[in-house]
C-alpha atoms as a PDB file:
ATOM      1  CA  UNK A   1     154.774 102.758 155.686  1.00  0.00           C
ATOM      2  CA  UNK A   2     151.062 102.693 156.585  1.00  0.00           C
ATOM      3  CA  UNK A   3     150.573 105.878 154.742  1.00  0.00           C
ATOM      4  CA  UNK A   4     152.191 104.787 151.940  1.00  0.00           C
ATOM      5  CA  UNK A   5     149.730 101.450 151.432  1.00  0.00           C
ATOM      6  CA  UNK A   6     147.012 104.103 152.063  1.00  0.00           C
ATOM      7  CA  UNK A   7     148.020 106.092 149.253  1.00  0.00           C
ATOM      8  CA  UNK A   8     148.500 103.388 146.382  1.00  0.00           C
ATOM      9  CA  UNK A   9     145.553 101.475 147.787  1.00  0.00           C
ATOM     10  CA  UNK A  10     143.854 104.785 146.865  1.00  0.00           C
ATOM     11  CA  UNK A  11     145.900 105.472 143.455  1.00  0.00           C
ATOM     12  CA  UNK A  12     144.717 101.996 142.801  1.00  0.00           C
ATOM     13  CA  UNK A  13     140.619 102.928 143.347  1.00  0.00           C
ATOM     14  CA  UNK A  14     140.913 105.927 141.283  1.00  0.00           C
ATOM     15  CA  UNK A  15     142.465 104.319 138.315  1.00  0.00           C
ATOM     16  CA  UNK A  16     139.888 101.535 138.420  1.00  0.00           C
ATOM     17  CA  UNK A  17     137.046 104.107 138.880  1.00  0.00           C
ATOM     18  CA  UNK A  18     138.125 106.179 135.871  1.00  0.00           C
ATOM     19  CA  UNK A  19     138.646 102.434 134.094  1.00  0.00           C
ATOM     20  CA  UNK A  20     135.340 102.073 134.288  1.00  0.00           C
ATOM     21  CA  UNK A  21     133.687 105.322 133.753  1.00  0.00           C
ATOM     22  CA  UNK A  22     135.891 105.138 130.762  1.00  0.00           C
ATOM     23  CA  UNK A  23     134.642 101.227 129.586  1.00  0.00           C
ATOM     24  CA  UNK A  24     130.948 102.754 130.146  1.00  0.00           C
ATOM     25  CA  UNK A  25     131.390 105.940 127.694  1.00  0.00           C
ATOM     26  CA  UNK A  26     132.934 103.644 124.949  1.00  0.00           C
ATOM     27  CA  UNK A  27     130.467 101.213 125.613  1.00  0.00           C
ATOM     28  CA  UNK A  28     127.671 103.835 125.567  1.00  0.00           C
ATOM     29  CA  UNK A  29     128.692 105.305 122.335  1.00  0.00           C
ATOM     30  CA  UNK A  30     129.412 101.615 120.546  1.00  0.00           C
ATOM     31  CA  UNK A  31     125.643 100.986 120.964  1.00  0.00           C
ATOM     32  CA  UNK A  32     124.180 104.082 120.606  1.00  0.00           C
ATOM     33  CA  UNK A  33     120.933 103.961 119.047  1.00  0.00           C
ATOM     34  CA  UNK A  34     120.309 100.599 119.046  1.00  0.00           C
ATOM     35  CA  UNK A  35     116.966  99.832 120.342  1.00  0.00           C
ATOM     36  CA  UNK A  36     117.930  95.827 120.608  1.00  0.00           C
ATOM     37  CA  UNK A  37     121.648  94.464 121.436  1.00  0.00           C
ATOM     38  CA  UNK A  38     121.796  90.546 120.317  1.00  0.00           C
ATOM     39  CA  UNK A  39     124.768  89.651 122.392  1.00  0.00           C
ATOM     40  CA  UNK A  40     122.414  90.265 125.303  1.00  0.00           C
ATOM     41  CA  UNK A  41     120.058  87.819 123.812  1.00  0.00           C
ATOM     42  CA  UNK A  42     120.688  84.238 124.083  1.00  0.00           C
ATOM     43  CA  UNK A  43     117.730  83.617 121.073  1.00  0.00           C
ATOM     44  CA  UNK A  44     119.773  86.498 118.697  1.00  0.00           C
ATOM     45  CA  UNK A  45     122.791  84.912 117.162  1.00  0.00           C
ATOM     46  CA  UNK A  46     125.025  87.300 115.907  1.00  0.00           C
ATOM     47  CA  UNK A  47     126.971  86.712 112.384  1.00  0.00           C
ATOM     48  CA  UNK A  48     130.434  85.570 113.108  1.00  0.00           C
ATOM     49  CA  UNK A  49     132.390  89.182 112.124  1.00  0.00           C
ATOM     50  CA  UNK A  50     129.731  91.281 112.567  1.00  0.00           C
ATOM     51  CA  UNK A  51     130.874  94.370 115.118  1.00  0.00           C
ATOM     52  CA  UNK A  52     128.997  96.835 117.141  1.00  0.00           C
ATOM     53  CA  UNK A  53     129.518 100.616 115.218  1.00  0.00           C
ATOM     54  CA  UNK A  54     126.624 102.809 116.658  1.00  0.00           C
ATOM     55  CA  UNK A  55     123.208 102.637 115.478  1.00  0.00           C
ATOM     56  CA  UNK A  56     124.460  99.119 113.343  1.00  0.00           C
ATOM     57  CA  UNK A  57     126.868  96.382 113.168  1.00  0.00           C
ATOM     58  CA  UNK A  58     129.278  96.207 110.279  1.00  0.00           C
ATOM     59  CA  UNK A  59     131.666  93.520 108.531  1.00  0.00           C
ATOM     60  CA  UNK A  60     133.918  94.136 105.590  1.00  0.00           C
ATOM     61  CA  UNK A  61     132.919  93.560 102.307  1.00  0.00           C
ATOM     62  CA  UNK A  62     129.809  92.161 100.244  1.00  0.00           C
ATOM     63  CA  UNK A  63     128.108  89.797 102.919  1.00  0.00           C
ATOM     64  CA  UNK A  64     124.625  90.399 103.065  1.00  0.00           C
ATOM     65  CA  UNK A  65     123.452  87.013 101.072  1.00  0.00           C
ATOM     66  CA  UNK A  66     125.541  85.067 103.640  1.00  0.00           C
ATOM     67  CA  UNK A  67     124.002  87.256 106.938  1.00  0.00           C
ATOM     68  CA  UNK A  68     120.451  86.424 105.080  1.00  0.00           C
ATOM     69  CA  UNK A  69     120.815  83.037 104.702  1.00  0.00           C
ATOM     70  CA  UNK A  70     122.320  82.412 108.663  1.00  0.00           C
ATOM     71  CA  UNK A  71     119.166  84.235 109.944  1.00  0.00           C
ATOM     72  CA  UNK A  72     116.699  82.340 107.943  1.00  0.00           C
ATOM     73  CA  UNK A  73     118.057  79.495 108.817  1.00  0.00           C
ATOM     74  CA  UNK A  74     118.734  79.673 112.342  1.00  0.00           C
ATOM     75  CA  UNK A  75     116.096  82.013 113.827  1.00  0.00           C
ATOM     76  CA  UNK A  76     113.816  79.626 113.283  1.00  0.00           C
ATOM     77  CA  UNK A  77     115.183  77.007 114.806  1.00  0.00           C
ATOM     78  CA  UNK A  78     115.637  79.198 118.229  1.00  0.00           C
ATOM     79  CA  UNK A  79     111.461  79.679 118.273  1.00  0.00           C
ATOM     80  CA  UNK A  80     111.312  82.447 115.629  1.00  0.00           C
ATOM     81  CA  UNK A  81     108.508  82.820 113.397  1.00  0.00           C
ATOM     82  CA  UNK A  82     108.861  84.897 110.509  1.00  0.00           C
ATOM     83  CA  UNK A  83     106.318  87.559 109.429  1.00  0.00           C
ATOM     84  CA  UNK A  84     107.680  89.142 106.235  1.00  0.00           C
ATOM     85  CA  UNK A  85     110.935  89.320 104.026  1.00  0.00           C
ATOM     86  CA  UNK A  86     112.177  90.927 101.007  1.00  0.00           C
ATOM     87  CA  UNK A  87     115.321  91.032  99.483  1.00  0.00           C
ATOM     88  CA  UNK A  88     117.478  91.926  96.093  1.00  0.00           C
ATOM     89  CA  UNK A  89     117.895  88.199  95.522  1.00  0.00           C
ATOM     90  CA  UNK A  90     114.293  88.671  93.531  1.00  0.00           C
ATOM     91  CA  UNK A  91     115.924  90.957  91.112  1.00  0.00           C
ATOM     92  CA  UNK A  92     117.805  90.370  88.148  1.00  0.00           C
ATOM     93  CA  UNK A  93     119.135  93.575  88.083  1.00  0.00           C
ATOM     94  CA  UNK A  94     122.594  93.340  89.483  1.00  0.00           C
ATOM     95  CA  UNK A  95     123.013  97.117  89.939  1.00  0.00           C
ATOM     96  CA  UNK A  96     120.655  96.762  92.787  1.00  0.00           C
ATOM     97  CA  UNK A  97     122.589  94.032  94.388  1.00  0.00           C
ATOM     98  CA  UNK A  98     123.596  96.367  97.253  1.00  0.00           C
ATOM     99  CA  UNK A  99     120.182  97.028  98.726  1.00  0.00           C
ATOM    100  CA  UNK A 100     120.424  93.715 100.784  1.00  0.00           C
ATOM    101  CA  UNK A 101     117.227  92.485 102.573  1.00  0.00           C
ATOM    102  CA  UNK A 102     114.867  93.347 105.471  1.00  0.00           C
ATOM    103  CA  UNK A 103     112.778  90.944 107.871  1.00  0.00           C
ATOM    104  CA  UNK A 104     110.428  91.120 110.471  1.00  0.00           C
ATOM    105  CA  UNK A 105     110.069  88.595 113.439  1.00  0.00           C
ATOM    106  CA  UNK A 106     108.052  87.405 116.222  1.00  0.00           C
ATOM    107  CA  UNK A 107     108.360  85.095 118.956  1.00  0.00           C
ATOM    108  CA  UNK A 108     106.263  84.045 121.827  1.00  0.00           C
ATOM    109  CA  UNK A 109     107.281  85.922 125.100  1.00  0.00           C
ATOM    110  CA  UNK A 110     109.566  88.607 123.131  1.00  0.00           C
ATOM    111  CA  UNK A 111     107.817  92.001 123.476  1.00  0.00           C
ATOM    112  CA  UNK A 112     107.291  93.420 120.463  1.00  0.00           C
ATOM    113  CA  UNK A 113     108.477  92.444 116.807  1.00  0.00           C
ATOM    114  CA  UNK A 114     112.411  92.151 115.931  1.00  0.00           C
ATOM    115  CA  UNK A 115     113.749  93.433 112.416  1.00  0.00           C
ATOM    116  CA  UNK A 116     116.503  92.630 110.938  1.00  0.00           C
ATOM    117  CA  UNK A 117     117.612  94.101 107.814  1.00  0.00           C
ATOM    118  CA  UNK A 118     120.902  94.440 105.829  1.00  0.00           C
ATOM    119  CA  UNK A 119     122.513  96.521 102.549  1.00  0.00           C
ATOM    120  CA  UNK A 120     126.217  96.917 101.602  1.00  0.00           C
ATOM    121  CA  UNK A 121     127.783 100.102 101.820  1.00  0.00           C
ATOM    122  CA  UNK A 122     129.715 100.331  98.226  1.00  0.00           C
ATOM    123  CA  UNK A 123     131.385 103.619  99.540  1.00  0.00           C
ATOM    124  CA  UNK A 124     133.091 101.959 103.145  1.00  0.00           C
ATOM    125  CA  UNK A 125     132.590  98.879 101.361  1.00  0.00           C
ATOM    126  CA  UNK A 126     131.057  97.506 104.284  1.00  0.00           C
ATOM    127  CA  UNK A 127     128.061  95.227 104.998  1.00  0.00           C
ATOM    128  CA  UNK A 128     125.702  97.198 107.894  1.00  0.00           C
ATOM    129  CA  UNK A 129     123.412  94.957 109.772  1.00  0.00           C
ATOM    130  CA  UNK A 130     120.655  96.618 111.578  1.00  0.00           C
ATOM    131  CA  UNK A 131     118.768  94.805 114.370  1.00  0.00           C
ATOM    132  CA  UNK A 132     115.746  96.741 115.642  1.00  0.00           C
ATOM    133  CA  UNK A 133     113.104  96.102 118.286  1.00  0.00           C
ATOM    134  CA  UNK A 134     109.259  97.480 117.404  1.00  0.00           C
ATOM    135  CA  UNK A 135     106.352  97.608 119.927  1.00  0.00           C
ATOM    136  CA  UNK A 136     103.043  95.686 118.517  1.00  0.00           C
ATOM    137  CA  UNK A 137     100.936  97.962 117.309  1.00  0.00           C
ATOM    138  CA  UNK A 138      98.006  98.956 115.032  1.00  0.00           C
ATOM    139  CA  UNK A 139      98.988  98.962 111.364  1.00  0.00           C
ATOM    140  CA  UNK A 140      97.037  99.791 108.967  1.00  0.00           C
ATOM    141  CA  UNK A 141      97.574  98.789 105.030  1.00  0.00           C
ATOM    142  CA  UNK A 142      97.483 102.009 102.980  1.00  0.00           C
ATOM    143  CA  UNK A 143      98.835 100.433  99.927  1.00  0.00           C
ATOM    144  CA  UNK A 144      97.381  96.768  98.328  1.00  0.00           C
ATOM    145  CA  UNK A 145      98.493  97.153  95.086  1.00  0.00           C
ATOM    146  CA  UNK A 146     102.255  97.961  94.592  1.00  0.00           C
ATOM    147  CA  UNK A 147     102.619 100.346  91.525  1.00  0.00           C
ATOM    148  CA  UNK A 148     105.161  99.819  88.704  1.00  0.00           C
ATOM    149  CA  UNK A 149     106.744 103.429  89.594  1.00  0.00           C
ATOM    150  CA  UNK A 150     106.552 106.093  92.314  1.00  0.00           C
ATOM    151  CA  UNK A 151     107.419 109.816  92.101  1.00  0.00           C
ATOM    152  CA  UNK A 152     108.982 111.303  94.917  1.00  0.00           C
ATOM    153  CA  UNK A 153     109.117 115.425  95.481  1.00  0.00           C
ATOM    154  CA  UNK A 154     111.689 116.305  98.003  1.00  0.00           C
ATOM    155  CA  UNK A 155     109.897 119.197  98.931  1.00  0.00           C
ATOM    156  CA  UNK A 156     105.936 120.417  98.902  1.00  0.00           C
ATOM    157  CA  UNK A 157     106.473 122.916  96.371  1.00  0.00           C
ATOM    158  CA  UNK A 158     108.608 120.435  94.076  1.00  0.00           C
ATOM    159  CA  UNK A 159     107.479 120.774  90.472  1.00  0.00           C
ATOM    160  CA  UNK A 160     110.296 118.027  89.577  1.00  0.00           C
ATOM    161  CA  UNK A 161     109.989 114.087  91.019  1.00  0.00           C
ATOM    162  CA  UNK A 162     113.086 111.537  91.382  1.00  0.00           C
ATOM    163  CA  UNK A 163     110.937 108.403  89.706  1.00  0.00           C
ATOM    164  CA  UNK A 164     111.709 105.110  91.119  1.00  0.00           C
ATOM    165  CA  UNK A 165     111.070 102.315  88.894  1.00  0.00           C
ATOM    166  CA  UNK A 166     112.906  99.517  90.646  1.00  0.00           C
ATOM    167  CA  UNK A 167     110.914  96.917  92.252  1.00  0.00           C
ATOM    168  CA  UNK A 168     112.422  95.701  95.114  1.00  0.00           C
ATOM    169  CA  UNK A 169     112.855  99.576  95.995  1.00  0.00           C
ATOM    170  CA  UNK A 170     108.923 100.048  95.625  1.00  0.00           C
ATOM    171  CA  UNK A 171     108.268  97.458  97.824  1.00  0.00           C
ATOM    172  CA  UNK A 172     110.330  97.902 100.522  1.00  0.00           C
ATOM    173  CA  UNK A 173     108.979 101.617 100.567  1.00  0.00           C
ATOM    174  CA  UNK A 174     105.401 100.681 100.632  1.00  0.00           C
ATOM    175  CA  UNK A 175     106.532  97.968 103.453  1.00  0.00           C
ATOM    176  CA  UNK A 176     107.917 101.036 105.687  1.00  0.00           C
ATOM    177  CA  UNK A 177     104.751 102.847 105.218  1.00  0.00           C
ATOM    178  CA  UNK A 178     102.284  99.992 105.678  1.00  0.00           C
ATOM    179  CA  UNK A 179     104.295  98.861 108.730  1.00  0.00           C
ATOM    180  CA  UNK A 180     104.339 102.441 110.217  1.00  0.00           C
ATOM    181  CA  UNK A 181     102.218 102.732 113.061  1.00  0.00           C
ATOM    182  CA  UNK A 182      98.760 104.347 113.117  1.00  0.00           C
ATOM    183  CA  UNK A 183      99.081 107.610 115.072  1.00  0.00           C
ATOM    184  CA  UNK A 184      96.239 109.482 116.360  1.00  0.00           C
ATOM    185  CA  UNK A 185      98.280 112.199 118.558  1.00  0.00           C
ATOM    186  CA  UNK A 186      99.117 115.751 118.003  1.00  0.00           C
ATOM    187  CA  UNK A 187     102.038 115.866 114.770  1.00  0.00           C
ATOM    188  CA  UNK A 188     105.409 117.757 115.830  1.00  0.00           C
ATOM    189  CA  UNK A 189     106.592 119.889 113.782  1.00  0.00           C
ATOM    190  CA  UNK A 190     109.668 118.832 111.589  1.00  0.00           C
ATOM    191  CA  UNK A 191     112.027 120.279 109.515  1.00  0.00           C
ATOM    192  CA  UNK A 192     111.325 118.873 106.178  1.00  0.00           C
ATOM    193  CA  UNK A 193     108.692 117.801 103.938  1.00  0.00           C
ATOM    194  CA  UNK A 194     108.235 115.812 101.379  1.00  0.00           C
ATOM    195  CA  UNK A 195     105.587 114.117  98.801  1.00  0.00           C
ATOM    196  CA  UNK A 196     105.362 110.517  97.061  1.00  0.00           C
ATOM    197  CA  UNK A 197     103.002 110.111  94.498  1.00  0.00           C
ATOM    198  CA  UNK A 198     101.711 106.468  94.276  1.00  0.00           C
ATOM    199  CA  UNK A 199      99.504 107.528  91.598  1.00  0.00           C
ATOM    200  CA  UNK A 200      96.230 106.843  93.367  1.00  0.00           C
ATOM    201  CA  UNK A 201      97.244 108.484  96.786  1.00  0.00           C
ATOM    202  CA  UNK A 202      99.600 110.828  97.608  1.00  0.00           C
ATOM    203  CA  UNK A 203     101.762 110.507 100.785  1.00  0.00           C
ATOM    204  CA  UNK A 204     103.304 113.406 102.647  1.00  0.00           C
ATOM    205  CA  UNK A 205     106.804 112.552 104.977  1.00  0.00           C
ATOM    206  CA  UNK A 206     107.436 115.150 107.371  1.00  0.00           C
ATOM    207  CA  UNK A 207     110.973 113.924 108.713  1.00  0.00           C
ATOM    208  CA  UNK A 208     113.886 115.688 110.558  1.00  0.00           C
ATOM    209  CA  UNK A 209     117.443 114.525 112.112  1.00  0.00           C
ATOM    210  CA  UNK A 210     117.275 111.881 113.927  1.00  0.00           C
ATOM    211  CA  UNK A 211     113.338 112.584 114.473  1.00  0.00           C
ATOM    212  CA  UNK A 212     109.796 109.953 114.123  1.00  0.00           C
ATOM    213  CA  UNK A 213     108.726 110.248 110.665  1.00  0.00           C
ATOM    214  CA  UNK A 214     105.261 111.355 110.099  1.00  0.00           C
ATOM    215  CA  UNK A 215     103.216 110.229 107.373  1.00  0.00           C
ATOM    216  CA  UNK A 216     100.107 111.799 106.155  1.00  0.00           C
ATOM    217  CA  UNK A 217      97.373 110.854 103.070  1.00  0.00           C
ATOM    218  CA  UNK A 218      93.633 110.557 102.955  1.00  0.00           C
ATOM    219  CA  UNK A 219      94.024 107.772 105.002  1.00  0.00           C
ATOM    220  CA  UNK A 220      95.478 109.167 107.903  1.00  0.00           C
ATOM    221  CA  UNK A 221      98.635 109.447 109.841  1.00  0.00           C
ATOM    222  CA  UNK A 222     101.172 106.980 110.781  1.00  0.00           C
ATOM    223  CA  UNK A 223     104.317 107.176 112.489  1.00  0.00           C
ATOM    224  CA  UNK A 224     107.887 105.638 111.856  1.00  0.00           C
ATOM    225  CA  UNK A 225     111.230 105.667 113.629  1.00  0.00           C
ATOM    226  CA  UNK A 226     114.002 107.117 111.510  1.00  0.00           C
ATOM    227  CA  UNK A 227     115.632 104.519 109.597  1.00  0.00           C
ATOM    228  CA  UNK A 228     118.426 104.770 107.449  1.00  0.00           C
ATOM    229  CA  UNK A 229     117.385 102.927 105.180  1.00  0.00           C
ATOM    230  CA  UNK A 230     114.287 104.047 104.622  1.00  0.00           C
ATOM    231  CA  UNK A 231     116.137 107.310 103.594  1.00  0.00           C
ATOM    232  CA  UNK A 232     118.692 105.318 101.474  1.00  0.00           C
ATOM    233  CA  UNK A 233     116.196 103.905  99.601  1.00  0.00           C
ATOM    234  CA  UNK A 234     114.270 107.115  99.288  1.00  0.00           C
ATOM    235  CA  UNK A 235     117.316 109.673  98.732  1.00  0.00           C
ATOM    236  CA  UNK A 236     115.595 111.410 100.802  1.00  0.00           C
ATOM    237  CA  UNK A 237     118.229 113.724 103.027  1.00  0.00           C
ATOM    238  CA  UNK A 238     117.968 114.080 106.709  1.00  0.00           C
END
């Protein structure tokens, strides 16, 4: 009888152990690629209905305006100070409604900068929200005057470019470049390189699959995380 009890206890322990490992695996996959998880911070509320899905949170439907207004209202009440923000609400073209918003926040005691952005994925019919924790670093402003149009070459040798005239998109691309970290160290090899022509300055973009992005110009070198929003806006393929 005692032997049977020990067997039962052993089986239960094995099931508990296996269950724990399965739970850890599911959790790791769910939050894969996230630099910050809102559920682990009392001062970062999660908009009701958002569900984690690897590097982003998703919710059905085009809900980015509600989410944008939610964080503009809630975060200051929790001690956060806004550093920058921009959204498609400043653009009267309805074709750009999907492009959503981006924002940066600082708070005393928080080691870094909180970045929250969102856009509507028309193909999946979902709103995707990204929470990101960026370290505080030196970031030189390369582009002071936002041009009315920019040209993106898919490779260094391309003769044809994709012209962007959308004011919001250009502002977002300029924001990504200006906010990127000044980089003084070695530049590691990347699989792809493209060029963004701002009229009075050309910026080379070196990037690869899920690797940091290097920006190079006459003003030096910058480094940025491989933000999906940047690739969505520029139409550069990873």
